[in-house]
Amino acid sequence: MGERALRGTRLGATSYENDRNTDLAPRQEVSYTCPKGHLTTVPLAVEAEIPASWECRYCGTTALRVDGEQPQQKKAKPARTHWDMLLERRSIEDLEEVLNERLAILREQRRKSA
């Protein structure tokens, strides 16, 4: 390559090699569809593990494989509420007792302020 070919370019910014006489890795095209109906086709290597989902190029939602199995839903534990955690520490009888004590204190404070 002549000296003039590199003048005015940044080193490493552009490859001056061509694809002639090279064998590309075998590829396969995998199609994904999103809930909005967009079709996305992605070229992947034959030996690559094919993901079950891909981000849609058009809207950004999760697209699922057209010809593949749908991903299995993981069992999610239901969210524990404050009430659930409270019942782990105290029984209903204990809670009623605490409620009655607090109500008595509040009633006493109202009598003093009135």
PDB file of N, CA and C in Angstrom:
ATOM      1  N   MET A   1       0.851  -1.157   0.000  1.00  0.00           N
ATOM      2  CA  MET A   1       0.000   0.000   0.000  1.00  0.00           C
ATOM      3  C   MET A   1       0.901   1.226   0.000  1.00  0.00           C
ATOM      4  N   GLY A   2       0.561   2.170  -0.834  1.00  0.00           N
ATOM      5  CA  GLY A   2       1.395   3.351  -0.977  1.00  0.00           C
ATOM      6  C   GLY A   2       1.297   4.271   0.218  1.00  0.00           C
ATOM      7  N   GLU A   3       2.298   5.133   0.290  1.00  0.00           N
ATOM      8  CA  GLU A   3       2.357   6.088   1.393  1.00  0.00           C
ATOM      9  C   GLU A   3       1.192   7.058   1.324  1.00  0.00           C
ATOM     10  N   ARG A   4       0.752   7.348   0.136  1.00  0.00           N
ATOM     11  CA  ARG A   4      -0.327   8.315  -0.039  1.00  0.00           C
ATOM     12  C   ARG A   4      -1.670   7.789   0.472  1.00  0.00           C
ATOM     13  N   ALA A   5      -1.858   6.490   0.507  1.00  0.00           N
ATOM     14  CA  ALA A   5      -3.142   5.928   0.930  1.00  0.00           C
ATOM     15  C   ALA A   5      -3.405   6.212   2.409  1.00  0.00           C
ATOM     16  N   LEU A   6      -2.376   6.325   3.217  1.00  0.00           N
ATOM     17  CA  LEU A   6      -2.552   6.546   4.641  1.00  0.00           C
ATOM     18  C   LEU A   6      -2.557   8.030   5.015  1.00  0.00           C
ATOM     19  N   ARG A   7      -2.193   8.882   4.108  1.00  0.00           N
ATOM     20  CA  ARG A   7      -2.125  10.304   4.419  1.00  0.00           C
ATOM     21  C   ARG A   7      -3.534  10.854   4.658  1.00  0.00           C
ATOM     22  N   GLY A   8      -3.718  11.561   5.736  1.00  0.00           N
ATOM     23  CA  GLY A   8      -4.991  12.192   6.035  1.00  0.00           C
ATOM     24  C   GLY A   8      -6.010  11.281   6.697  1.00  0.00           C
ATOM     25  N   THR A   9      -5.612  10.082   7.103  1.00  0.00           N
ATOM     26  CA  THR A   9      -6.552   9.196   7.801  1.00  0.00           C
ATOM     27  C   THR A   9      -6.047   8.930   9.209  1.00  0.00           C
ATOM     28  N   ARG A  10      -6.966   8.555  10.056  1.00  0.00           N
ATOM     29  CA  ARG A  10      -6.595   8.182  11.426  1.00  0.00           C
ATOM     30  C   ARG A  10      -6.248   6.706  11.428  1.00  0.00           C
ATOM     31  N   LEU A  11      -5.167   6.363  12.059  1.00  0.00           N
ATOM     32  CA  LEU A  11      -4.768   4.960  12.107  1.00  0.00           C
ATOM     33  C   LEU A  11      -5.762   4.183  12.954  1.00  0.00           C
ATOM     34  N   GLY A  12      -6.202   3.060  12.466  1.00  0.00           N
ATOM     35  CA  GLY A  12      -7.124   2.207  13.192  1.00  0.00           C
ATOM     36  C   GLY A  12      -8.581   2.557  12.981  1.00  0.00           C
ATOM     37  N   ALA A  13      -8.882   3.652  12.326  1.00  0.00           N
ATOM     38  CA  ALA A  13     -10.266   4.054  12.143  1.00  0.00           C
ATOM     39  C   ALA A  13     -10.937   3.270  11.029  1.00  0.00           C
ATOM     40  N   THR A  14     -10.204   2.932  10.010  1.00  0.00           N
ATOM     41  CA  THR A  14     -10.771   2.245   8.850  1.00  0.00           C
ATOM     42  C   THR A  14      -9.888   1.073   8.473  1.00  0.00           C
ATOM     43  N   SER A  15     -10.519  -0.042   8.153  1.00  0.00           N
ATOM     44  CA  SER A  15      -9.763  -1.192   7.685  1.00  0.00           C
ATOM     45  C   SER A  15      -9.672  -1.114   6.168  1.00  0.00           C
ATOM     46  N   TYR A  16      -8.483  -1.315   5.643  1.00  0.00           N
ATOM     47  CA  TYR A  16      -8.287  -1.279   4.203  1.00  0.00           C
ATOM     48  C   TYR A  16      -8.268  -2.680   3.605  1.00  0.00           C
ATOM     49  N   GLU A  17      -8.599  -3.688   4.426  1.00  0.00           N
ATOM     50  CA  GLU A  17      -8.669  -5.047   3.907  1.00  0.00           C
ATOM     51  C   GLU A  17     -10.038  -5.269   3.291  1.00  0.00           C
ATOM     52  N   ASN A  18     -10.091  -6.181   2.344  1.00  0.00           N
ATOM     53  CA  ASN A  18     -11.382  -6.519   1.744  1.00  0.00           C
ATOM     54  C   ASN A  18     -11.745  -7.957   2.102  1.00  0.00           C
ATOM     55  N   ASP A  19     -12.967  -8.352   1.768  1.00  0.00           N
ATOM     56  CA  ASP A  19     -13.458  -9.674   2.135  1.00  0.00           C
ATOM     57  C   ASP A  19     -13.207 -10.728   1.055  1.00  0.00           C
ATOM     58  N   ARG A  20     -12.454 -10.395   0.034  1.00  0.00           N
ATOM     59  CA  ARG A  20     -12.170 -11.378  -1.011  1.00  0.00           C
ATOM     60  C   ARG A  20     -11.313 -12.496  -0.458  1.00  0.00           C
ATOM     61  N   ASN A  21     -11.586 -13.693  -0.911  1.00  0.00           N
ATOM     62  CA  ASN A  21     -10.826 -14.905  -0.559  1.00  0.00           C
ATOM     63  C   ASN A  21     -10.873 -15.203   0.935  1.00  0.00           C
ATOM     64  N   THR A  22     -11.948 -14.859   1.591  1.00  0.00           N
ATOM     65  CA  THR A  22     -12.116 -15.215   3.009  1.00  0.00           C
ATOM     66  C   THR A  22     -13.418 -15.979   3.158  1.00  0.00           C
ATOM     67  N   ASP A  23     -13.426 -16.923   4.059  1.00  0.00           N
ATOM     68  CA  ASP A  23     -14.632 -17.695   4.335  1.00  0.00           C
ATOM     69  C   ASP A  23     -15.267 -17.150   5.611  1.00  0.00           C
ATOM     70  N   LEU A  24     -16.509 -16.724   5.471  1.00  0.00           N
ATOM     71  CA  LEU A  24     -17.226 -16.238   6.644  1.00  0.00           C
ATOM     72  C   LEU A  24     -17.773 -17.420   7.426  1.00  0.00           C
ATOM     73  N   ALA A  25     -17.977 -17.223   8.703  1.00  0.00           N
ATOM     74  CA  ALA A  25     -18.543 -18.281   9.538  1.00  0.00           C
ATOM     75  C   ALA A  25     -19.958 -18.591   9.069  1.00  0.00           C
ATOM     76  N   PRO A  26     -20.346 -19.859   9.126  1.00  0.00           N
ATOM     77  CA  PRO A  26     -21.710 -20.201   8.710  1.00  0.00           C
ATOM     78  C   PRO A  26     -22.731 -19.511   9.621  1.00  0.00           C
ATOM     79  N   ARG A  27     -23.769 -18.966   8.999  1.00  0.00           N
ATOM     80  CA  ARG A  27     -24.745 -18.182   9.751  1.00  0.00           C
ATOM     81  C   ARG A  27     -26.146 -18.721   9.528  1.00  0.00           C
ATOM     82  N   GLN A  28     -27.006 -18.330  10.439  1.00  0.00           N
ATOM     83  CA  GLN A  28     -28.430 -18.622  10.314  1.00  0.00           C
ATOM     84  C   GLN A  28     -29.198 -17.366  10.697  1.00  0.00           C
ATOM     85  N   GLU A  29     -30.353 -17.194  10.115  1.00  0.00           N
ATOM     86  CA  GLU A  29     -31.174 -16.033  10.437  1.00  0.00           C
ATOM     87  C   GLU A  29     -32.293 -16.471  11.361  1.00  0.00           C
ATOM     88  N   VAL A  30     -32.448 -15.747  12.467  1.00  0.00           N
ATOM     89  CA  VAL A  30     -33.476 -16.057  13.453  1.00  0.00           C
ATOM     90  C   VAL A  30     -34.435 -14.878  13.494  1.00  0.00           C
ATOM     91  N   SER A  31     -35.731 -15.176  13.438  1.00  0.00           N
ATOM     92  CA  SER A  31     -36.749 -14.121  13.419  1.00  0.00           C
ATOM     93  C   SER A  31     -37.432 -14.010  14.773  1.00  0.00           C
ATOM     94  N   TYR A  32     -37.713 -12.779  15.154  1.00  0.00           N
ATOM     95  CA  TYR A  32     -38.398 -12.475  16.415  1.00  0.00           C
ATOM     96  C   TYR A  32     -39.559 -11.536  16.120  1.00  0.00           C
ATOM     97  N   THR A  33     -40.662 -11.695  16.846  1.00  0.00           N
ATOM     98  CA  THR A  33     -41.790 -10.768  16.726  1.00  0.00           C
ATOM     99  C   THR A  33     -42.108 -10.202  18.102  1.00  0.00           C
ATOM    100  N   CYS A  34     -42.433  -8.912  18.116  1.00  0.00           N
ATOM    101  CA  CYS A  34     -42.783  -8.246  19.372  1.00  0.00           C
ATOM    102  C   CYS A  34     -44.301  -8.227  19.501  1.00  0.00           C
ATOM    103  N   PRO A  35     -44.833  -7.844  20.679  1.00  0.00           N
ATOM    104  CA  PRO A  35     -46.286  -7.796  20.863  1.00  0.00           C
ATOM    105  C   PRO A  35     -46.994  -6.830  19.909  1.00  0.00           C
ATOM    106  N   LYS A  36     -46.278  -5.842  19.369  1.00  0.00           N
ATOM    107  CA  LYS A  36     -46.888  -4.890  18.442  1.00  0.00           C
ATOM    108  C   LYS A  36     -46.861  -5.382  16.997  1.00  0.00           C
ATOM    109  N   GLY A  37     -46.291  -6.581  16.763  1.00  0.00           N
ATOM    110  CA  GLY A  37     -46.301  -7.174  15.428  1.00  0.00           C
ATOM    111  C   GLY A  37     -45.069  -6.882  14.588  1.00  0.00           C
ATOM    112  N   HIS A  38     -44.062  -6.201  15.129  1.00  0.00           N
ATOM    113  CA  HIS A  38     -42.850  -5.922  14.355  1.00  0.00           C
ATOM    114  C   HIS A  38     -42.026  -7.201  14.219  1.00  0.00           C
ATOM    115  N   LEU A  39     -41.465  -7.414  13.040  1.00  0.00           N
ATOM    116  CA  LEU A  39     -40.623  -8.576  12.770  1.00  0.00           C
ATOM    117  C   LEU A  39     -39.166  -8.132  12.736  1.00  0.00           C
ATOM    118  N   THR A  40     -38.346  -8.792  13.546  1.00  0.00           N
ATOM    119  CA  THR A  40     -36.914  -8.493  13.588  1.00  0.00           C
ATOM    120  C   THR A  40     -36.169  -9.762  13.214  1.00  0.00           C
ATOM    121  N   THR A  41     -35.280  -9.687  12.237  1.00  0.00           N
ATOM    122  CA  THR A  41     -34.472 -10.831  11.820  1.00  0.00           C
ATOM    123  C   THR A  41     -33.021 -10.549  12.169  1.00  0.00           C
ATOM    124  N   VAL A  42     -32.399 -11.499  12.870  1.00  0.00           N
ATOM    125  CA  VAL A  42     -31.036 -11.320  13.362  1.00  0.00           C
ATOM    126  C   VAL A  42     -30.162 -12.440  12.809  1.00  0.00           C
ATOM    127  N   PRO A  43     -29.033 -12.116  12.162  1.00  0.00           N
ATOM    128  CA  PRO A  43     -28.111 -13.177  11.731  1.00  0.00           C
ATOM    129  C   PRO A  43     -27.230 -13.613  12.904  1.00  0.00           C
ATOM    130  N   LEU A  44     -27.204 -14.911  13.153  1.00  0.00           N
ATOM    131  CA  LEU A  44     -26.394 -15.469  14.233  1.00  0.00           C
ATOM    132  C   LEU A  44     -25.542 -16.605  13.686  1.00  0.00           C
ATOM    133  N   ALA A  45     -24.433 -16.862  14.336  1.00  0.00           N
ATOM    134  CA  ALA A  45     -23.587 -17.981  13.938  1.00  0.00           C
ATOM    135  C   ALA A  45     -24.333 -19.287  14.193  1.00  0.00           C
ATOM    136  N   VAL A  46     -24.055 -20.300  13.382  1.00  0.00           N
ATOM    137  CA  VAL A  46     -24.738 -21.580  13.506  1.00  0.00           C
ATOM    138  C   VAL A  46     -24.474 -22.204  14.867  1.00  0.00           C
ATOM    139  N   GLU A  47     -23.249 -22.099  15.362  1.00  0.00           N
ATOM    140  CA  GLU A  47     -22.923 -22.745  16.633  1.00  0.00           C
ATOM    141  C   GLU A  47     -23.299 -21.893  17.852  1.00  0.00           C
ATOM    142  N   ALA A  48     -23.837 -20.699  17.643  1.00  0.00           N
ATOM    143  CA  ALA A  48     -24.206 -19.828  18.763  1.00  0.00           C
ATOM    144  C   ALA A  48     -25.493 -20.318  19.413  1.00  0.00           C
ATOM    145  N   GLU A  49     -25.595 -20.092  20.727  1.00  0.00           N
ATOM    146  CA  GLU A  49     -26.824 -20.416  21.444  1.00  0.00           C
ATOM    147  C   GLU A  49     -27.855 -19.336  21.107  1.00  0.00           C
ATOM    148  N   ILE A  50     -29.009 -19.743  20.659  1.00  0.00           N
ATOM    149  CA  ILE A  50     -30.023 -18.789  20.198  1.00  0.00           C
ATOM    150  C   ILE A  50     -30.874 -18.346  21.383  1.00  0.00           C
ATOM    151  N   PRO A  51     -30.932 -17.041  21.657  1.00  0.00           N
ATOM    152  CA  PRO A  51     -31.743 -16.573  22.778  1.00  0.00           C
ATOM    153  C   PRO A  51     -33.237 -16.665  22.452  1.00  0.00           C
ATOM    154  N   ALA A  52     -34.046 -16.853  23.482  1.00  0.00           N
ATOM    155  CA  ALA A  52     -35.494 -16.974  23.304  1.00  0.00           C
ATOM    156  C   ALA A  52     -36.137 -15.619  23.052  1.00  0.00           C
ATOM    157  N   SER A  53     -35.489 -14.541  23.505  1.00  0.00           N
ATOM    158  CA  SER A  53     -36.065 -13.205  23.304  1.00  0.00           C
ATOM    159  C   SER A  53     -34.987 -12.254  22.811  1.00  0.00           C
ATOM    160  N   TRP A  54     -35.439 -11.175  22.174  1.00  0.00           N
ATOM    161  CA  TRP A  54     -34.544 -10.172  21.605  1.00  0.00           C
ATOM    162  C   TRP A  54     -35.256  -8.828  21.695  1.00  0.00           C
ATOM    163  N   GLU A  55     -34.505  -7.751  21.807  1.00  0.00           N
ATOM    164  CA  GLU A  55     -35.126  -6.429  21.863  1.00  0.00           C
ATOM    165  C   GLU A  55     -35.564  -6.009  20.467  1.00  0.00           C
ATOM    166  N   CYS A  56     -36.808  -5.552  20.355  1.00  0.00           N
ATOM    167  CA  CYS A  56     -37.351  -5.127  19.066  1.00  0.00           C
ATOM    168  C   CYS A  56     -36.602  -3.883  18.584  1.00  0.00           C
ATOM    169  N   ARG A  57     -36.218  -3.874  17.317  1.00  0.00           N
ATOM    170  CA  ARG A  57     -35.481  -2.742  16.756  1.00  0.00           C
ATOM    171  C   ARG A  57     -36.345  -1.509  16.593  1.00  0.00           C
ATOM    172  N   TYR A  58     -37.654  -1.691  16.504  1.00  0.00           N
ATOM    173  CA  TYR A  58     -38.548  -0.580  16.186  1.00  0.00           C
ATOM    174  C   TYR A  58     -39.129   0.093  17.433  1.00  0.00           C
ATOM    175  N   CYS A  59     -39.566  -0.713  18.407  1.00  0.00           N
ATOM    176  CA  CYS A  59     -40.226  -0.106  19.570  1.00  0.00           C
ATOM    177  C   CYS A  59     -39.509  -0.389  20.878  1.00  0.00           C
ATOM    178  N   GLY A  60     -38.526  -1.281  20.914  1.00  0.00           N
ATOM    179  CA  GLY A  60     -37.741  -1.527  22.112  1.00  0.00           C
ATOM    180  C   GLY A  60     -38.344  -2.528  23.086  1.00  0.00           C
ATOM    181  N   THR A  61     -39.511  -3.084  22.784  1.00  0.00           N
ATOM    182  CA  THR A  61     -40.097  -4.081  23.677  1.00  0.00           C
ATOM    183  C   THR A  61     -39.424  -5.428  23.456  1.00  0.00           C
ATOM    184  N   THR A  62     -39.751  -6.390  24.285  1.00  0.00           N
ATOM    185  CA  THR A  62     -39.152  -7.711  24.178  1.00  0.00           C
ATOM    186  C   THR A  62     -39.869  -8.518  23.105  1.00  0.00           C
ATOM    187  N   ALA A  63     -39.101  -8.961  22.126  1.00  0.00           N
ATOM    188  CA  ALA A  63     -39.643  -9.771  21.035  1.00  0.00           C
ATOM    189  C   ALA A  63     -39.288 -11.229  21.291  1.00  0.00           C
ATOM    190  N   LEU A  64     -40.208 -12.144  20.943  1.00  0.00           N
ATOM    191  CA  LEU A  64     -40.003 -13.578  21.141  1.00  0.00           C
ATOM    192  C   LEU A  64     -39.758 -14.266  19.810  1.00  0.00           C
ATOM    193  N   ARG A  65     -39.055 -15.409  19.855  1.00  0.00           N
ATOM    194  CA  ARG A  65     -38.741 -16.157  18.633  1.00  0.00           C
ATOM    195  C   ARG A  65     -40.006 -16.596  17.932  1.00  0.00           C
ATOM    196  N   VAL A  66     -39.975 -16.546  16.608  1.00  0.00           N
ATOM    197  CA  VAL A  66     -41.132 -16.935  15.813  1.00  0.00           C
ATOM    198  C   VAL A  66     -41.309 -18.446  15.850  1.00  0.00           C
ATOM    199  N   ASP A  67     -40.237 -19.198  15.618  1.00  0.00           N
ATOM    200  CA  ASP A  67     -40.338 -20.653  15.499  1.00  0.00           C
ATOM    201  C   ASP A  67     -39.910 -21.384  16.765  1.00  0.00           C
ATOM    202  N   GLY A  68     -39.595 -20.670  17.811  1.00  0.00           N
ATOM    203  CA  GLY A  68     -39.094 -21.312  19.019  1.00  0.00           C
ATOM    204  C   GLY A  68     -40.153 -21.455  20.092  1.00  0.00           C
ATOM    205  N   GLU A  69     -39.759 -22.129  21.158  1.00  0.00           N
ATOM    206  CA  GLU A  69     -40.642 -22.290  22.296  1.00  0.00           C
ATOM    207  C   GLU A  69     -40.700 -20.981  23.074  1.00  0.00           C
ATOM    208  N   GLN A  70     -41.835 -20.746  23.675  1.00  0.00           N
ATOM    209  CA  GLN A  70     -41.975 -19.553  24.511  1.00  0.00           C
ATOM    210  C   GLN A  70     -41.219 -19.785  25.816  1.00  0.00           C
ATOM    211  N   PRO A  71     -40.569 -18.754  26.345  1.00  0.00           N
ATOM    212  CA  PRO A  71     -39.830 -18.943  27.597  1.00  0.00           C
ATOM    213  C   PRO A  71     -40.781 -19.276  28.743  1.00  0.00           C
ATOM    214  N   GLN A  72     -40.334 -20.163  29.617  1.00  0.00           N
ATOM    215  CA  GLN A  72     -41.148 -20.569  30.754  1.00  0.00           C
ATOM    216  C   GLN A  72     -41.190 -19.446  31.782  1.00  0.00           C
ATOM    217  N   GLN A  73     -42.371 -19.218  32.315  1.00  0.00           N
ATOM    218  CA  GLN A  73     -42.520 -18.204  33.351  1.00  0.00           C
ATOM    219  C   GLN A  73     -41.972 -18.760  34.658  1.00  0.00           C
ATOM    220  N   LYS A  74     -41.135 -17.988  35.312  1.00  0.00           N
ATOM    221  CA  LYS A  74     -40.597 -18.403  36.600  1.00  0.00           C
ATOM    222  C   LYS A  74     -41.662 -18.187  37.666  1.00  0.00           C
ATOM    223  N   LYS A  75     -41.687 -19.103  38.628  1.00  0.00           N
ATOM    224  CA  LYS A  75     -42.631 -18.935  39.718  1.00  0.00           C
ATOM    225  C   LYS A  75     -42.174 -17.772  40.578  1.00  0.00           C
ATOM    226  N   ALA A  76     -43.025 -16.792  40.666  1.00  0.00           N
ATOM    227  CA  ALA A  76     -42.688 -15.610  41.460  1.00  0.00           C
ATOM    228  C   ALA A  76     -43.414 -15.694  42.792  1.00  0.00           C
ATOM    229  N   LYS A  77     -42.666 -15.425  43.841  1.00  0.00           N
ATOM    230  CA  LYS A  77     -43.295 -15.405  45.150  1.00  0.00           C
ATOM    231  C   LYS A  77     -44.166 -14.163  45.254  1.00  0.00           C
ATOM    232  N   PRO A  78     -45.349 -14.311  45.849  1.00  0.00           N
ATOM    233  CA  PRO A  78     -46.177 -13.112  46.004  1.00  0.00           C
ATOM    234  C   PRO A  78     -45.495 -12.124  46.948  1.00  0.00           C
ATOM    235  N   ALA A  79     -45.710 -10.865  46.686  1.00  0.00           N
ATOM    236  CA  ALA A  79     -45.074  -9.829  47.501  1.00  0.00           C
ATOM    237  C   ALA A  79     -45.632  -9.875  48.914  1.00  0.00           C
ATOM    238  N   ARG A  80     -44.736  -9.791  49.877  1.00  0.00           N
ATOM    239  CA  ARG A  80     -45.168  -9.770  51.274  1.00  0.00           C
ATOM    240  C   ARG A  80     -45.561  -8.360  51.647  1.00  0.00           C
ATOM    241  N   THR A  81     -46.741  -8.223  52.180  1.00  0.00           N
ATOM    242  CA  THR A  81     -47.221  -6.915  52.589  1.00  0.00           C
ATOM    243  C   THR A  81     -46.842  -6.656  54.038  1.00  0.00           C
ATOM    244  N   HIS A  82     -47.079  -5.431  54.470  1.00  0.00           N
ATOM    245  CA  HIS A  82     -46.814  -5.072  55.866  1.00  0.00           C
ATOM    246  C   HIS A  82     -47.666  -5.940  56.792  1.00  0.00           C
ATOM    247  N   TRP A  83     -48.901  -6.183  56.383  1.00  0.00           N
ATOM    248  CA  TRP A  83     -49.802  -6.992  57.197  1.00  0.00           C
ATOM    249  C   TRP A  83     -49.274  -8.421  57.347  1.00  0.00           C
ATOM    250  N   ASP A  84     -48.741  -9.008  56.274  1.00  0.00           N
ATOM    251  CA  ASP A  84     -48.180 -10.358  56.338  1.00  0.00           C
ATOM    252  C   ASP A  84     -47.016 -10.428  57.312  1.00  0.00           C
ATOM    253  N   MET A  85     -46.140  -9.439  57.248  1.00  0.00           N
ATOM    254  CA  MET A  85     -44.987  -9.428  58.155  1.00  0.00           C
ATOM    255  C   MET A  85     -45.414  -9.213  59.596  1.00  0.00           C
ATOM    256  N   LEU A  86     -46.460  -8.422  59.798  1.00  0.00           N
ATOM    257  CA  LEU A  86     -46.975  -8.183  61.147  1.00  0.00           C
ATOM    258  C   LEU A  86     -47.564  -9.471  61.722  1.00  0.00           C
ATOM    259  N   LEU A  87     -48.271 -10.219  60.900  1.00  0.00           N
ATOM    260  CA  LEU A  87     -48.854 -11.482  61.365  1.00  0.00           C
ATOM    261  C   LEU A  87     -47.802 -12.545  61.660  1.00  0.00           C
ATOM    262  N   GLU A  88     -46.609 -12.403  61.085  1.00  0.00           N
ATOM    263  CA  GLU A  88     -45.524 -13.330  61.418  1.00  0.00           C
ATOM    264  C   GLU A  88     -45.019 -13.099  62.835  1.00  0.00           C
ATOM    265  N   ARG A  89     -45.139 -11.849  63.319  1.00  0.00           N
ATOM    266  CA  ARG A  89     -44.614 -11.513  64.649  1.00  0.00           C
ATOM    267  C   ARG A  89     -45.661 -11.607  65.742  1.00  0.00           C
ATOM    268  N   ARG A  90     -46.917 -11.315  65.411  1.00  0.00           N
ATOM    269  CA  ARG A  90     -47.963 -11.264  66.434  1.00  0.00           C
ATOM    270  C   ARG A  90     -49.203 -12.005  65.965  1.00  0.00           C
ATOM    271  N   SER A  91     -49.995 -12.464  66.941  1.00  0.00           N
ATOM    272  CA  SER A  91     -51.268 -13.112  66.616  1.00  0.00           C
ATOM    273  C   SER A  91     -52.364 -12.048  66.563  1.00  0.00           C
ATOM    274  N   ILE A  92     -53.533 -12.424  66.095  1.00  0.00           N
ATOM    275  CA  ILE A  92     -54.649 -11.489  65.994  1.00  0.00           C
ATOM    276  C   ILE A  92     -55.058 -11.022  67.400  1.00  0.00           C
ATOM    277  N   GLU A  93     -55.034 -11.931  68.354  1.00  0.00           N
ATOM    278  CA  GLU A  93     -55.394 -11.564  69.729  1.00  0.00           C
ATOM    279  C   GLU A  93     -54.433 -10.505  70.279  1.00  0.00           C
ATOM    280  N   ASP A  94     -53.124 -10.688  70.023  1.00  0.00           N
ATOM    281  CA  ASP A  94     -52.137  -9.697  70.474  1.00  0.00           C
ATOM    282  C   ASP A  94     -52.392  -8.344  69.817  1.00  0.00           C
ATOM    283  N   LEU A  95     -52.720  -8.361  68.540  1.00  0.00           N
ATOM    284  CA  LEU A  95     -52.961  -7.110  67.823  1.00  0.00           C
ATOM    285  C   LEU A  95     -54.205  -6.398  68.344  1.00  0.00           C
ATOM    286  N   GLU A  96     -55.241  -7.167  68.659  1.00  0.00           N
ATOM    287  CA  GLU A  96     -56.443  -6.552  69.222  1.00  0.00           C
ATOM    288  C   GLU A  96     -56.148  -5.924  70.582  1.00  0.00           C
ATOM    289  N   GLU A  97     -55.320  -6.580  71.364  1.00  0.00           N
ATOM    290  CA  GLU A  97     -54.949  -6.052  72.678  1.00  0.00           C
ATOM    291  C   GLU A  97     -54.169  -4.749  72.541  1.00  0.00           C
ATOM    292  N   VAL A  98     -53.212  -4.715  71.628  1.00  0.00           N
ATOM    293  CA  VAL A  98     -52.428  -3.496  71.405  1.00  0.00           C
ATOM    294  C   VAL A  98     -53.328  -2.379  70.882  1.00  0.00           C
ATOM    295  N   LEU A  99     -54.267  -2.712  69.994  1.00  0.00           N
ATOM    296  CA  LEU A  99     -55.193  -1.714  69.470  1.00  0.00           C
ATOM    297  C   LEU A  99     -56.041  -1.114  70.579  1.00  0.00           C
ATOM    298  N   ASN A 100     -56.563  -1.965  71.448  1.00  0.00           N
ATOM    299  CA  ASN A 100     -57.382  -1.460  72.552  1.00  0.00           C
ATOM    300  C   ASN A 100     -56.573  -0.569  73.492  1.00  0.00           C
ATOM    301  N   GLU A 101     -55.313  -0.925  73.748  1.00  0.00           N
ATOM    302  CA  GLU A 101     -54.453  -0.088  74.600  1.00  0.00           C
ATOM    303  C   GLU A 101     -54.235   1.288  73.970  1.00  0.00           C
ATOM    304  N   ARG A 102     -53.938   1.305  72.675  1.00  0.00           N
ATOM    305  CA  ARG A 102     -53.696   2.580  71.986  1.00  0.00           C
ATOM    306  C   ARG A 102     -54.963   3.435  71.922  1.00  0.00           C
ATOM    307  N   LEU A 103     -56.123   2.790  71.694  1.00  0.00           N
ATOM    308  CA  LEU A 103     -57.377   3.536  71.671  1.00  0.00           C
ATOM    309  C   LEU A 103     -57.678   4.146  73.036  1.00  0.00           C
ATOM    310  N   ALA A 104     -57.373   3.404  74.101  1.00  0.00           N
ATOM    311  CA  ALA A 104     -57.589   3.935  75.455  1.00  0.00           C
ATOM    312  C   ALA A 104     -56.703   5.144  75.704  1.00  0.00           C
ATOM    313  N   ILE A 105     -55.460   5.087  75.252  1.00  0.00           N
ATOM    314  CA  ILE A 105     -54.540   6.232  75.418  1.00  0.00           C
ATOM    315  C   ILE A 105     -55.050   7.433  74.640  1.00  0.00           C
ATOM    316  N   LEU A 106     -55.496   7.228  73.406  1.00  0.00           N
ATOM    317  CA  LEU A 106     -56.010   8.331  72.586  1.00  0.00           C
ATOM    318  C   LEU A 106     -57.273   8.944  73.193  1.00  0.00           C
ATOM    319  N   ARG A 107     -58.159   8.105  73.704  1.00  0.00           N
ATOM    320  CA  ARG A 107     -59.382   8.618  74.329  1.00  0.00           C
ATOM    321  C   ARG A 107     -59.057   9.446  75.567  1.00  0.00           C
ATOM    322  N   GLU A 108     -58.069   8.979  76.331  1.00  0.00           N
ATOM    323  CA  GLU A 108     -57.650   9.720  77.538  1.00  0.00           C
ATOM    324  C   GLU A 108     -57.071  11.083  77.159  1.00  0.00           C
ATOM    325  N   GLN A 109     -56.287  11.139  76.068  1.00  0.00           N
ATOM    326  CA  GLN A 109     -55.710  12.412  75.622  1.00  0.00           C
ATOM    327  C   GLN A 109     -56.799  13.370  75.136  1.00  0.00           C
ATOM    328  N   ARG A 110     -57.831  12.849  74.498  1.00  0.00           N
ATOM    329  CA  ARG A 110     -58.925  13.701  74.038  1.00  0.00           C
ATOM    330  C   ARG A 110     -59.712  14.267  75.211  1.00  0.00           C
ATOM    331  N   ARG A 111     -59.893  13.465  76.253  1.00  0.00           N
ATOM    332  CA  ARG A 111     -60.619  13.968  77.439  1.00  0.00           C
ATOM    333  C   ARG A 111     -59.860  15.084  78.119  1.00  0.00           C
ATOM    334  N   LYS A 112     -58.505  14.950  78.164  1.00  0.00           N
ATOM    335  CA  LYS A 112     -57.691  15.989  78.810  1.00  0.00           C
ATOM    336  C   LYS A 112     -57.682  17.281  77.995  1.00  0.00           C
ATOM    337  N   SER A 113     -57.686  17.174  76.672  1.00  0.00           N
ATOM    338  CA  SER A 113     -57.626  18.374  75.831  1.00  0.00           C
ATOM    339  C   SER A 113     -58.992  19.055  75.682  1.00  0.00           C
ATOM    340  N   ALA A 114     -60.067  18.343  75.913  1.00  0.00           N
ATOM    341  CA  ALA A 114     -61.412  18.934  75.745  1.00  0.00           C
ATOM    342  C   ALA A 114     -61.887  19.709  76.945  1.00  0.00           C
TER     343      ALA A 114
END
